[in-house]
Amino acid sequence: MPTNNELPQITNYLQGFGALYVIEGSTLGGQIISKMVQQHLPVQDGKGLSFFNGYGDKMHQMWGAFKDILNKAAATPEDEQIIIAAANDTFAKFKTLARK
């Protein structure tokens, strides 16, 4: 179980959006992983790939909707910096956790 120091610091909604950017963005990578798995393993009808397929055929629609909300949340350059810093922190913390 991760400790508090190993988790992203989220104390406000802007930091939450930064962390969500990383999590929602992983759905894009999931599609690539799904295609690679299907090329190398006998997967039928996408069964066993639901984790990587995320939103399925609605992935681009959902990503677009998230980006619209994210862009509205970042009302000022300062807001943008908070979101970006939280996203970078989330990436770094997940990388650290992945090494364990």
Protein backbone atom coordinates (compact mmCIF):
# COMPACT_ATOMS: atom_id res chain seq x y z
CA MET A 1 0.00 0.00 0.00
CA PRO A 2 1.45 3.40 -0.99
CA THR A 3 2.29 5.90 1.72
CA ASN A 4 1.18 9.53 1.65
CA ASN A 5 4.61 10.56 0.35
CA GLU A 6 4.21 8.20 -2.60
CA LEU A 7 0.83 9.58 -3.70
CA PRO A 8 0.19 12.76 -5.68
CA GLN A 9 -0.59 15.80 -3.53
CA ILE A 10 -4.21 16.81 -4.22
CA THR A 11 -5.61 19.51 -1.97
CA ASN A 12 -7.82 21.43 -4.41
CA TYR A 13 -9.85 20.92 -7.57
CA LEU A 14 -7.07 22.23 -9.86
CA GLN A 15 -4.63 19.62 -8.56
CA GLY A 16 -7.42 17.08 -9.00
CA PHE A 17 -7.69 18.04 -12.66
CA GLY A 18 -3.94 17.59 -13.05
CA ALA A 19 -4.13 14.06 -11.64
CA LEU A 20 -7.21 13.31 -13.76
CA TYR A 21 -5.33 14.44 -16.85
CA VAL A 22 -2.83 11.65 -16.26
CA ILE A 23 -5.49 9.05 -15.49
CA GLU A 24 -7.79 10.00 -18.37
CA GLY A 25 -4.81 10.27 -20.70
CA SER A 26 -3.96 6.67 -19.96
CA THR A 27 -7.09 5.68 -21.90
CA LEU A 28 -5.31 6.84 -25.05
CA GLY A 29 -2.36 4.58 -24.31
CA GLY A 30 -4.74 1.75 -23.47
CA GLN A 31 -5.99 1.71 -27.04
CA ILE A 32 -2.45 1.27 -28.33
CA ILE A 33 -1.75 -1.51 -25.84
CA SER A 34 -5.01 -3.24 -26.81
CA LYS A 35 -4.03 -3.25 -30.49
CA MET A 36 -0.57 -4.61 -29.68
CA VAL A 37 -2.00 -7.40 -27.51
CA GLN A 38 -4.45 -8.39 -30.25
CA GLN A 39 -1.58 -8.66 -32.73
CA HIS A 40 0.34 -11.10 -30.54
CA LEU A 41 -2.29 -13.07 -28.63
CA PRO A 42 -5.35 -14.99 -29.79
CA VAL A 43 -7.97 -12.51 -28.52
CA GLN A 44 -11.50 -12.99 -29.83
CA ASP A 45 -13.95 -10.11 -30.01
CA GLY A 46 -11.79 -8.01 -27.67
CA LYS A 47 -12.57 -10.28 -24.72
CA GLY A 48 -10.03 -9.87 -21.96
CA LEU A 49 -9.09 -6.36 -23.04
CA SER A 50 -11.76 -4.30 -21.28
CA PHE A 51 -9.18 -2.69 -18.97
CA PHE A 52 -7.21 -1.38 -21.95
CA ASN A 53 -10.24 -0.47 -24.05
CA GLY A 54 -11.59 1.93 -21.43
CA TYR A 55 -14.40 3.84 -23.10
CA GLY A 56 -14.31 1.67 -26.22
CA ASP A 57 -15.50 3.44 -29.36
CA LYS A 58 -16.41 6.51 -27.28
CA MET A 59 -12.81 7.09 -26.20
CA HIS A 60 -12.20 10.12 -28.44
CA GLN A 61 -15.56 11.63 -27.49
CA MET A 62 -14.85 11.18 -23.76
CA TRP A 63 -11.30 12.53 -24.08
CA GLY A 64 -12.64 15.57 -25.96
CA ALA A 65 -15.27 16.20 -23.28
CA PHE A 66 -12.63 15.94 -20.55
CA LYS A 67 -10.33 18.38 -22.36
CA ASP A 68 -13.18 20.88 -22.72
CA ILE A 69 -13.89 20.76 -18.98
CA LEU A 70 -10.18 20.93 -18.17
CA ASN A 71 -9.68 23.98 -20.36
CA LYS A 72 -12.59 25.74 -18.64
CA ALA A 73 -11.18 24.90 -15.20
CA ALA A 74 -7.89 26.56 -16.07
CA ALA A 75 -9.25 30.11 -16.02
CA THR A 76 -5.89 31.85 -15.49
CA PRO A 77 -2.23 31.17 -16.28
CA GLU A 78 -1.75 30.49 -12.55
CA ASP A 79 -4.49 27.84 -12.67
CA GLU A 80 -2.76 26.24 -15.64
CA GLN A 81 0.52 26.08 -13.72
CA ILE A 82 -1.17 24.39 -10.75
CA ILE A 83 -2.77 21.80 -13.06
CA ILE A 84 0.49 21.17 -14.92
CA ALA A 85 2.48 20.83 -11.70
CA ALA A 86 -0.06 18.33 -10.33
CA ALA A 87 0.01 16.34 -13.57
CA ASN A 88 3.80 16.21 -13.48
CA ASP A 89 3.71 15.18 -9.81
CA THR A 90 1.19 12.45 -10.63
CA PHE A 91 3.36 11.12 -13.47
CA ALA A 92 6.41 11.11 -11.19
CA LYS A 93 4.60 9.40 -8.30
CA PHE A 94 3.13 6.72 -10.59
CA LYS A 95 6.59 6.11 -12.07
CA THR A 96 8.02 5.67 -8.56
CA LEU A 97 5.23 3.29 -7.60
CA ALA A 98 5.68 1.28 -10.79
CA ARG A 99 9.31 0.60 -9.86
CA LYS A 100 8.33 -1.02 -6.56
